[in-house]
């Protein structure tokens, strides 16, 4: 009986020692924090107001929305970047107002995983993006990435335009 207890204790210790613990991260706004959508069909202030109302109703954690008719953009800042950002929900919300989303540019904070593998990933809150055209970057530390988000492929691809330490 005693030898069985020793074996169980050794097994527990071995499994605990073999686990890799994630690095301790400073508290921060992990997730997609800002979105700028290039759009078509934003002809008037009334349309802009309708689009803003639709986005506030359907997107979680919206802090501010800025709509530019001249630049044909909708910029959204979020209070809760850790909540899932769904490009499909964003597209559907503004589609009902006659606006078509052409592009997404996002700012997000998170961790790059698998940098040495075939496909590195950027994990930002509840979002996970395949990274495109990234040759090297630090892994295991909190970073903020800006880039173009391609939501027309599965998995979504993020092409970084800037990476900075948090």
N, C-alpha and C. Protein backbone atom coordinates (compact mmCIF):
# COMPACT_ATOMS: atom_id res chain seq x y z
N UNK A 1 0.82 -1.19 0.00
CA UNK A 1 0.00 0.00 0.00
C UNK A 1 0.87 1.26 0.00
N UNK A 2 1.92 1.22 0.83
CA UNK A 2 2.81 2.37 0.93
C UNK A 2 3.51 2.63 -0.40
N UNK A 3 3.93 1.57 -1.08
CA UNK A 3 4.62 1.74 -2.36
C UNK A 3 3.66 2.30 -3.42
N UNK A 4 2.38 1.97 -3.33
CA UNK A 4 1.39 2.52 -4.25
C UNK A 4 1.24 4.02 -4.02
N UNK A 5 1.23 4.45 -2.75
CA UNK A 5 1.13 5.87 -2.44
C UNK A 5 2.36 6.63 -2.94
N UNK A 6 3.54 6.02 -2.81
CA UNK A 6 4.76 6.65 -3.28
C UNK A 6 4.71 6.81 -4.80
N UNK A 7 4.23 5.76 -5.50
CA UNK A 7 4.12 5.82 -6.96
C UNK A 7 3.15 6.92 -7.39
N UNK A 8 2.01 7.05 -6.71
CA UNK A 8 1.03 8.08 -7.04
C UNK A 8 1.64 9.47 -6.80
N UNK A 9 2.33 9.64 -5.68
CA UNK A 9 2.94 10.93 -5.37
C UNK A 9 4.01 11.29 -6.40
N UNK A 10 4.81 10.32 -6.82
CA UNK A 10 5.84 10.57 -7.82
C UNK A 10 5.21 10.93 -9.17
N UNK A 11 4.12 10.27 -9.48
CA UNK A 11 3.43 10.54 -10.74
C UNK A 11 2.88 11.96 -10.76
N UNK A 12 2.29 12.37 -9.65
CA UNK A 12 1.74 13.73 -9.54
C UNK A 12 2.86 14.76 -9.66
N UNK A 13 3.97 14.53 -8.96
CA UNK A 13 5.10 15.46 -9.04
C UNK A 13 5.67 15.53 -10.45
N UNK A 14 5.81 14.40 -11.11
CA UNK A 14 6.36 14.38 -12.47
C UNK A 14 5.47 15.15 -13.43
N UNK A 15 4.14 14.97 -13.31
CA UNK A 15 3.25 15.68 -14.24
C UNK A 15 3.24 17.18 -13.93
N UNK A 16 3.34 17.55 -12.66
CA UNK A 16 3.36 18.97 -12.32
C UNK A 16 4.64 19.64 -12.81
N UNK A 17 5.75 18.93 -12.74
CA UNK A 17 7.02 19.51 -13.18
C UNK A 17 7.12 19.58 -14.70
N UNK A 18 6.43 18.70 -15.40
CA UNK A 18 6.55 18.69 -16.86
C UNK A 18 5.64 19.72 -17.53
N UNK A 19 4.67 20.26 -16.82
CA UNK A 19 3.80 21.28 -17.41
C UNK A 19 4.56 22.58 -17.60
N UNK A 20 4.34 23.19 -18.73
CA UNK A 20 4.95 24.51 -18.93
C UNK A 20 3.92 25.55 -18.50
N UNK A 21 4.32 26.40 -17.62
CA UNK A 21 3.40 27.42 -17.14
C UNK A 21 3.51 28.64 -18.04
N UNK A 22 2.36 29.27 -18.34
CA UNK A 22 2.42 30.46 -19.18
C UNK A 22 3.13 31.59 -18.46
N UNK A 23 3.76 32.47 -19.21
CA UNK A 23 4.46 33.57 -18.56
C UNK A 23 3.48 34.50 -17.85
N UNK A 24 3.95 35.10 -16.76
CA UNK A 24 3.14 36.08 -16.05
C UNK A 24 3.07 37.34 -16.91
N UNK A 25 1.87 37.83 -17.15
CA UNK A 25 1.70 39.01 -17.97
C UNK A 25 1.21 40.17 -17.14
N UNK A 26 1.62 41.37 -17.47
CA UNK A 26 1.10 42.52 -16.76
C UNK A 26 -0.37 42.71 -17.12
N UNK A 27 -1.17 43.24 -16.22
CA UNK A 27 -2.56 43.47 -16.56
C UNK A 27 -2.64 44.46 -17.72
N UNK A 28 -3.55 44.22 -18.62
CA UNK A 28 -3.65 45.13 -19.76
C UNK A 28 -4.89 44.85 -20.58
N UNK A 29 -5.09 45.65 -21.60
CA UNK A 29 -6.28 45.52 -22.43
C UNK A 29 -6.08 44.45 -23.50
N UNK A 30 -6.08 43.18 -23.10
CA UNK A 30 -5.91 42.12 -24.08
C UNK A 30 -7.16 42.03 -24.94
N UNK A 31 -6.96 41.91 -26.24
CA UNK A 31 -8.07 41.75 -27.16
C UNK A 31 -8.05 42.84 -28.22
N UNK A 32 -9.10 42.83 -29.04
CA UNK A 32 -9.24 43.82 -30.11
C UNK A 32 -9.80 45.09 -29.48
N UNK A 33 -8.99 46.16 -29.51
CA UNK A 33 -9.38 47.40 -28.84
C UNK A 33 -9.94 48.46 -29.79
N UNK A 34 -9.46 48.47 -31.03
CA UNK A 34 -9.91 49.48 -32.00
C UNK A 34 -10.09 48.84 -33.37
N UNK A 35 -11.12 49.28 -34.07
CA UNK A 35 -11.42 48.79 -35.42
C UNK A 35 -11.67 49.99 -36.32
N UNK A 36 -11.06 50.00 -37.50
CA UNK A 36 -11.38 51.00 -38.51
C UNK A 36 -11.83 50.22 -39.74
N UNK A 37 -13.06 50.44 -40.14
CA UNK A 37 -13.61 49.76 -41.31
C UNK A 37 -13.68 50.74 -42.47
N UNK A 38 -13.08 50.34 -43.58
CA UNK A 38 -13.25 51.09 -44.82
C UNK A 38 -14.58 50.67 -45.40
N UNK A 39 -15.44 51.62 -45.74
CA UNK A 39 -16.80 51.29 -46.16
C UNK A 39 -17.16 51.97 -47.48
N UNK A 40 -18.26 51.51 -48.05
CA UNK A 40 -18.85 52.13 -49.24
C UNK A 40 -20.34 52.30 -48.96
N UNK A 41 -20.88 53.44 -49.39
CA UNK A 41 -22.32 53.66 -49.25
C UNK A 41 -22.69 54.49 -48.04
N UNK A 42 -21.81 55.36 -47.62
CA UNK A 42 -22.07 56.24 -46.47
C UNK A 42 -22.35 57.64 -47.01
N UNK A 43 -23.58 57.86 -47.52
CA UNK A 43 -23.85 59.09 -48.26
C UNK A 43 -24.28 60.30 -47.44
N UNK A 44 -24.78 60.09 -46.22
CA UNK A 44 -25.38 61.24 -45.53
C UNK A 44 -25.28 61.10 -44.02
N UNK A 45 -25.47 62.20 -43.28
CA UNK A 45 -25.43 62.15 -41.81
C UNK A 45 -26.49 61.23 -41.22
N UNK A 46 -27.65 61.14 -41.86
CA UNK A 46 -28.70 60.26 -41.35
C UNK A 46 -28.26 58.80 -41.42
N UNK A 47 -27.59 58.44 -42.53
CA UNK A 47 -27.07 57.06 -42.66
C UNK A 47 -26.02 56.78 -41.60
N UNK A 48 -25.18 57.77 -41.34
CA UNK A 48 -24.13 57.61 -40.33
C UNK A 48 -24.75 57.40 -38.95
N UNK A 49 -25.80 58.13 -38.64
CA UNK A 49 -26.47 57.97 -37.34
C UNK A 49 -27.10 56.59 -37.23
N UNK A 50 -27.68 56.10 -38.32
CA UNK A 50 -28.29 54.76 -38.31
C UNK A 50 -27.22 53.69 -38.13
N UNK A 51 -26.07 53.86 -38.80
CA UNK A 51 -24.97 52.90 -38.66
C UNK A 51 -24.44 52.90 -37.23
N UNK A 52 -24.29 54.08 -36.64
CA UNK A 52 -23.80 54.16 -35.26
C UNK A 52 -24.75 53.46 -34.30
N UNK A 53 -26.04 53.70 -34.45
CA UNK A 53 -27.04 53.05 -33.58
C UNK A 53 -26.98 51.53 -33.73
N UNK A 54 -26.86 51.05 -34.98
CA UNK A 54 -26.81 49.60 -35.22
C UNK A 54 -25.57 48.99 -34.58
N UNK A 55 -24.43 49.65 -34.70
CA UNK A 55 -23.19 49.12 -34.11
C UNK A 55 -23.25 49.13 -32.60
N UNK A 56 -23.76 50.19 -32.00
CA UNK A 56 -23.87 50.25 -30.54
C UNK A 56 -24.78 49.14 -30.01
N UNK A 57 -25.80 48.81 -30.78
CA UNK A 57 -26.76 47.78 -30.35
C UNK A 57 -26.16 46.38 -30.48
N UNK A 58 -25.35 46.14 -31.50
CA UNK A 58 -24.93 44.77 -31.81
C UNK A 58 -23.52 44.41 -31.38
N UNK A 59 -22.63 45.41 -31.20
CA UNK A 59 -21.25 45.10 -30.81
C UNK A 59 -21.08 45.28 -29.30
N UNK A 60 -20.49 44.28 -28.63
CA UNK A 60 -20.27 44.42 -27.18
C UNK A 60 -19.14 45.40 -26.88
N UNK A 61 -19.32 46.19 -25.84
CA UNK A 61 -18.25 47.03 -25.30
C UNK A 61 -17.82 48.21 -26.15
N UNK A 62 -18.74 48.82 -26.88
CA UNK A 62 -18.37 49.99 -27.69
C UNK A 62 -18.20 51.20 -26.78
N UNK A 63 -17.02 51.85 -26.90
CA UNK A 63 -16.77 53.08 -26.14
C UNK A 63 -17.12 54.28 -27.00
N UNK A 64 -16.50 54.35 -28.19
CA UNK A 64 -16.76 55.47 -29.09
C UNK A 64 -16.88 54.97 -30.52
N UNK A 65 -17.63 55.72 -31.31
CA UNK A 65 -17.76 55.47 -32.75
C UNK A 65 -17.55 56.79 -33.45
N UNK A 66 -16.68 56.77 -34.46
CA UNK A 66 -16.41 57.96 -35.26
C UNK A 66 -16.64 57.58 -36.72
N UNK A 67 -17.53 58.31 -37.37
CA UNK A 67 -17.86 58.01 -38.76
C UNK A 67 -17.46 59.19 -39.64
N UNK A 68 -16.68 58.89 -40.69
CA UNK A 68 -16.24 59.93 -41.62
C UNK A 68 -16.85 59.67 -42.99
N UNK A 69 -17.74 60.58 -43.39
CA UNK A 69 -18.34 60.47 -44.72
C UNK A 69 -17.29 60.73 -45.80
N UNK A 70 -16.41 61.71 -45.58
CA UNK A 70 -15.42 62.07 -46.60
C UNK A 70 -14.39 60.96 -46.82
N UNK A 71 -13.99 60.27 -45.74
CA UNK A 71 -13.01 59.19 -45.86
C UNK A 71 -13.67 57.82 -46.02
N UNK A 72 -14.99 57.78 -45.86
CA UNK A 72 -15.74 56.52 -45.95
C UNK A 72 -15.16 55.48 -44.98
N UNK A 73 -15.09 55.89 -43.70
CA UNK A 73 -14.59 54.99 -42.65
C UNK A 73 -15.51 55.03 -41.44
N UNK A 74 -15.51 53.93 -40.73
CA UNK A 74 -16.18 53.84 -39.42
C UNK A 74 -15.12 53.35 -38.45
N UNK A 75 -14.82 54.15 -37.43
CA UNK A 75 -13.83 53.80 -36.41
C UNK A 75 -14.55 53.50 -35.10
N UNK A 76 -14.23 52.36 -34.51
CA UNK A 76 -14.85 51.94 -33.25
C UNK A 76 -13.76 51.66 -32.23
N UNK A 77 -13.87 52.29 -31.06
CA UNK A 77 -13.01 51.96 -29.92
C UNK A 77 -13.86 51.18 -28.93
N UNK A 78 -13.26 50.15 -28.35
CA UNK A 78 -14.01 49.27 -27.45
C UNK A 78 -13.51 49.41 -26.02
N UNK A 79 -14.43 49.31 -25.08
CA UNK A 79 -14.07 49.35 -23.66
C UNK A 79 -13.62 47.98 -23.19
N UNK A 80 -14.11 46.95 -23.84
CA UNK A 80 -13.79 45.59 -23.43
C UNK A 80 -13.19 44.85 -24.62
N UNK A 81 -11.88 45.04 -24.83
CA UNK A 81 -11.22 44.38 -25.95
C UNK A 81 -11.21 42.87 -25.83
N UNK A 82 -11.34 42.35 -24.59
CA UNK A 82 -11.29 40.91 -24.41
C UNK A 82 -12.53 40.21 -24.96
N UNK A 83 -13.62 40.95 -25.12
CA UNK A 83 -14.82 40.35 -25.71
C UNK A 83 -14.52 39.99 -27.16
N UNK A 84 -15.14 38.96 -27.66
CA UNK A 84 -14.94 38.51 -29.02
C UNK A 84 -15.32 39.59 -30.02
N UNK A 85 -14.42 39.89 -30.96
CA UNK A 85 -14.75 40.79 -32.06
C UNK A 85 -15.15 39.92 -33.24
N UNK A 86 -16.35 40.13 -33.74
CA UNK A 86 -16.84 39.37 -34.88
C UNK A 86 -17.00 40.29 -36.09
N UNK A 87 -16.13 40.12 -37.10
CA UNK A 87 -16.30 40.91 -38.31
C UNK A 87 -17.66 40.69 -38.96
N UNK A 88 -18.19 39.47 -38.87
CA UNK A 88 -19.51 39.18 -39.47
C UNK A 88 -20.61 39.98 -38.79
N UNK A 89 -20.57 40.11 -37.47
CA UNK A 89 -21.57 40.90 -36.74
C UNK A 89 -21.45 42.37 -37.14
N UNK A 90 -20.20 42.86 -37.25
CA UNK A 90 -19.97 44.25 -37.66
C UNK A 90 -20.55 44.47 -39.05
N UNK A 91 -20.23 43.58 -39.99
CA UNK A 91 -20.74 43.70 -41.37
C UNK A 91 -22.27 43.68 -41.40
N UNK A 92 -22.87 42.74 -40.68
CA UNK A 92 -24.33 42.62 -40.66
C UNK A 92 -24.99 43.86 -40.06
N UNK A 93 -24.37 44.42 -39.02
CA UNK A 93 -24.96 45.60 -38.36
C UNK A 93 -25.06 46.77 -39.31
N UNK A 94 -24.00 47.03 -40.10
CA UNK A 94 -24.05 48.18 -41.00
C UNK A 94 -24.71 47.87 -42.34
N UNK A 95 -24.74 46.59 -42.71
CA UNK A 95 -25.39 46.22 -43.97
C UNK A 95 -26.86 46.62 -43.96
N UNK A 96 -27.50 46.51 -42.83
CA UNK A 96 -28.91 46.88 -42.70
C UNK A 96 -29.16 48.37 -42.92
N UNK A 97 -28.10 49.17 -42.90
CA UNK A 97 -28.25 50.61 -43.13
C UNK A 97 -27.78 50.99 -44.54
N UNK A 98 -27.51 49.98 -45.38
CA UNK A 98 -27.10 50.23 -46.76
C UNK A 98 -25.61 50.47 -46.93
N UNK A 99 -24.81 50.16 -45.90
CA UNK A 99 -23.38 50.38 -45.95
C UNK A 99 -22.68 49.03 -46.11
N UNK A 100 -21.68 49.01 -46.99
CA UNK A 100 -20.90 47.80 -47.22
C UNK A 100 -19.50 47.98 -46.65
N UNK A 101 -19.03 47.01 -45.86
CA UNK A 101 -17.67 47.04 -45.32
C UNK A 101 -16.73 46.46 -46.37
N UNK A 102 -15.68 47.23 -46.69
CA UNK A 102 -14.69 46.78 -47.68
C UNK A 102 -13.45 46.21 -47.02
N UNK A 103 -12.97 46.86 -45.94
CA UNK A 103 -11.74 46.43 -45.26
C UNK A 103 -11.86 46.63 -43.76
N UNK A 104 -11.02 45.90 -43.04
CA UNK A 104 -10.88 46.09 -41.59
C UNK A 104 -9.41 46.33 -41.27
N UNK A 105 -9.17 47.30 -40.41
CA UNK A 105 -7.85 47.52 -39.82
C UNK A 105 -8.09 47.47 -38.32
N UNK A 106 -7.34 46.63 -37.60
CA UNK A 106 -7.57 46.49 -36.16
C UNK A 106 -6.31 46.79 -35.37
N UNK A 107 -6.53 47.23 -34.14
CA UNK A 107 -5.48 47.33 -33.13
C UNK A 107 -5.87 46.35 -32.04
N UNK A 108 -4.92 45.51 -31.64
CA UNK A 108 -5.22 44.51 -30.63
C UNK A 108 -3.98 44.24 -29.79
N UNK A 109 -4.21 43.82 -28.55
CA UNK A 109 -3.12 43.45 -27.66
C UNK A 109 -3.27 41.99 -27.28
N UNK A 110 -2.17 41.27 -27.29
CA UNK A 110 -2.22 39.85 -26.97
C UNK A 110 -0.84 39.24 -27.06
N UNK A 111 -0.80 37.95 -27.38
CA UNK A 111 0.44 37.18 -27.39
C UNK A 111 0.59 36.48 -28.73
N UNK A 112 1.80 36.49 -29.26
CA UNK A 112 2.10 35.73 -30.47
C UNK A 112 2.52 34.33 -30.04
N UNK A 113 1.93 33.33 -30.68
CA UNK A 113 2.25 31.93 -30.40
C UNK A 113 2.78 31.27 -31.66
N UNK A 114 3.66 30.29 -31.49
CA UNK A 114 4.12 29.48 -32.60
C UNK A 114 4.98 30.20 -33.61
N UNK A 115 5.79 31.15 -33.17
CA UNK A 115 6.59 31.95 -34.10
C UNK A 115 7.53 31.08 -34.93
N UNK A 116 8.05 30.02 -34.38
CA UNK A 116 8.97 29.16 -35.12
C UNK A 116 8.27 28.13 -35.99
N UNK A 117 6.97 28.04 -35.92
CA UNK A 117 6.23 27.02 -36.67
C UNK A 117 5.83 27.55 -38.05
N UNK A 118 5.15 26.70 -38.81
CA UNK A 118 4.68 27.10 -40.13
C UNK A 118 3.70 28.25 -40.05
N UNK A 119 2.85 28.26 -39.02
CA UNK A 119 1.82 29.28 -38.91
C UNK A 119 1.83 29.93 -37.54
N UNK A 120 2.37 31.15 -37.42
CA UNK A 120 2.27 31.85 -36.14
C UNK A 120 0.85 32.40 -35.95
N UNK A 121 0.46 32.50 -34.69
CA UNK A 121 -0.89 32.98 -34.34
C UNK A 121 -0.77 34.17 -33.40
N UNK A 122 -1.76 35.05 -33.49
CA UNK A 122 -1.87 36.16 -32.54
C UNK A 122 -3.15 35.93 -31.76
N UNK A 123 -3.00 35.74 -30.45
CA UNK A 123 -4.15 35.50 -29.57
C UNK A 123 -4.40 36.79 -28.80
N UNK A 124 -5.56 37.38 -29.06
CA UNK A 124 -5.93 38.67 -28.46
C UNK A 124 -7.30 38.53 -27.82
N UNK A 125 -7.31 38.38 -26.50
CA UNK A 125 -8.59 38.14 -25.82
C UNK A 125 -9.18 36.84 -26.33
N UNK A 126 -10.44 36.90 -26.78
CA UNK A 126 -11.11 35.70 -27.29
C UNK A 126 -10.90 35.49 -28.79
N UNK A 127 -10.14 36.40 -29.41
CA UNK A 127 -9.86 36.27 -30.84
C UNK A 127 -8.52 35.57 -31.07
N UNK A 128 -8.46 34.84 -32.18
CA UNK A 128 -7.23 34.14 -32.57
C UNK A 128 -7.08 34.35 -34.07
N UNK A 129 -5.98 35.00 -34.47
CA UNK A 129 -5.75 35.34 -35.87
C UNK A 129 -4.48 34.67 -36.38
N UNK A 130 -4.54 34.12 -37.60
CA UNK A 130 -3.33 33.64 -38.26
C UNK A 130 -2.56 34.87 -38.70
N UNK A 131 -1.26 34.89 -38.43
CA UNK A 131 -0.43 36.03 -38.81
C UNK A 131 0.14 35.81 -40.20
N UNK A 132 0.06 36.83 -41.03
CA UNK A 132 0.55 36.75 -42.41
C UNK A 132 1.74 37.69 -42.56
N UNK A 133 2.75 37.23 -43.30
CA UNK A 133 3.93 38.05 -43.62
C UNK A 133 4.67 38.55 -42.38
N UNK A 134 4.78 37.71 -41.37
CA UNK A 134 5.52 38.08 -40.17
C UNK A 134 6.74 37.18 -40.08
N UNK A 135 7.92 37.78 -40.18
CA UNK A 135 9.17 37.00 -40.19
C UNK A 135 9.66 36.70 -38.78
N UNK A 136 9.59 37.70 -37.90
CA UNK A 136 10.02 37.47 -36.52
C UNK A 136 9.32 38.44 -35.58
N UNK A 137 9.12 37.98 -34.38
CA UNK A 137 8.51 38.79 -33.32
C UNK A 137 8.69 38.04 -32.00
N UNK A 138 8.70 38.77 -30.90
CA UNK A 138 8.83 38.10 -29.61
C UNK A 138 7.59 37.28 -29.29
N UNK A 139 7.81 36.13 -28.67
CA UNK A 139 6.68 35.30 -28.25
C UNK A 139 6.60 35.29 -26.73
N UNK A 140 5.42 35.03 -26.23
CA UNK A 140 5.24 34.90 -24.79
C UNK A 140 5.20 36.19 -24.01
N UNK A 141 5.16 37.33 -24.70
CA UNK A 141 5.04 38.60 -23.98
C UNK A 141 3.90 39.40 -24.59
N UNK A 142 3.30 40.23 -23.77
CA UNK A 142 2.17 41.02 -24.22
C UNK A 142 2.63 42.06 -25.23
N UNK A 143 2.01 42.03 -26.42
CA UNK A 143 2.32 42.95 -27.50
C UNK A 143 1.04 43.58 -28.01
N UNK A 144 1.18 44.75 -28.62
CA UNK A 144 0.05 45.37 -29.31
C UNK A 144 0.38 45.39 -30.79
N UNK A 145 -0.56 44.90 -31.58
CA UNK A 145 -0.38 44.75 -33.02
C UNK A 145 -1.44 45.55 -33.74
N UNK A 146 -1.02 46.29 -34.77
CA UNK A 146 -1.94 46.97 -35.68
C UNK A 146 -1.79 46.28 -37.02
N UNK A 147 -2.91 46.12 -37.72
CA UNK A 147 -2.78 45.50 -39.03
C UNK A 147 -4.10 45.34 -39.75
N UNK A 148 -3.98 44.89 -40.99
CA UNK A 148 -5.14 44.65 -41.84
C UNK A 148 -5.68 43.26 -41.54
N UNK A 149 -6.98 43.18 -41.29
CA UNK A 149 -7.63 41.92 -40.98
C UNK A 149 -8.40 41.43 -42.20
N UNK A 150 -8.05 40.24 -42.68
CA UNK A 150 -8.77 39.62 -43.79
C UNK A 150 -9.75 38.61 -43.19
N UNK A 151 -11.01 38.97 -43.20
CA UNK A 151 -12.04 38.09 -42.63
C UNK A 151 -12.74 37.27 -43.71
N UNK A 152 -12.23 37.32 -44.94
CA UNK A 152 -12.83 36.56 -46.03
C UNK A 152 -12.19 35.17 -46.17
N UNK A 153 -11.25 34.85 -45.28
CA UNK A 153 -10.61 33.54 -45.27
C UNK A 153 -10.82 32.92 -43.89
N UNK A 154 -10.68 31.60 -43.84
CA UNK A 154 -10.81 30.88 -42.58
C UNK A 154 -9.52 30.10 -42.37
N UNK A 155 -8.78 30.37 -41.31
CA UNK A 155 -9.02 31.33 -40.24
C UNK A 155 -8.73 32.77 -40.70
N UNK A 156 -9.27 33.72 -39.93
CA UNK A 156 -9.00 35.12 -40.23
C UNK A 156 -7.49 35.36 -40.22
N UNK A 157 -7.02 36.22 -41.17
CA UNK A 157 -5.60 36.53 -41.26
C UNK A 157 -5.34 37.98 -40.91
N UNK A 158 -4.35 38.19 -40.07
CA UNK A 158 -3.93 39.52 -39.67
C UNK A 158 -2.55 39.79 -40.26
N UNK A 159 -2.46 40.83 -41.09
CA UNK A 159 -1.18 41.25 -41.66
C UNK A 159 -0.71 42.47 -40.88
N UNK A 160 0.27 42.28 -40.00
CA UNK A 160 0.71 43.39 -39.13
C UNK A 160 1.35 44.53 -39.92
N UNK A 161 0.98 45.75 -39.52
CA UNK A 161 1.64 46.95 -40.06
C UNK A 161 2.52 47.58 -38.98
N UNK A 162 2.25 47.25 -37.72
CA UNK A 162 3.07 47.74 -36.60
C UNK A 162 2.92 46.79 -35.42
N UNK A 163 4.03 46.58 -34.72
CA UNK A 163 4.04 45.77 -33.49
C UNK A 163 4.81 46.56 -32.45
N UNK A 164 4.24 46.67 -31.27
CA UNK A 164 4.95 47.37 -30.19
C UNK A 164 4.74 46.62 -28.88
N UNK A 165 5.68 46.77 -27.99
CA UNK A 165 5.55 46.17 -26.65
C UNK A 165 4.44 46.89 -25.91
N UNK A 166 3.75 46.17 -25.07
CA UNK A 166 2.68 46.78 -24.28
C UNK A 166 3.28 47.63 -23.20
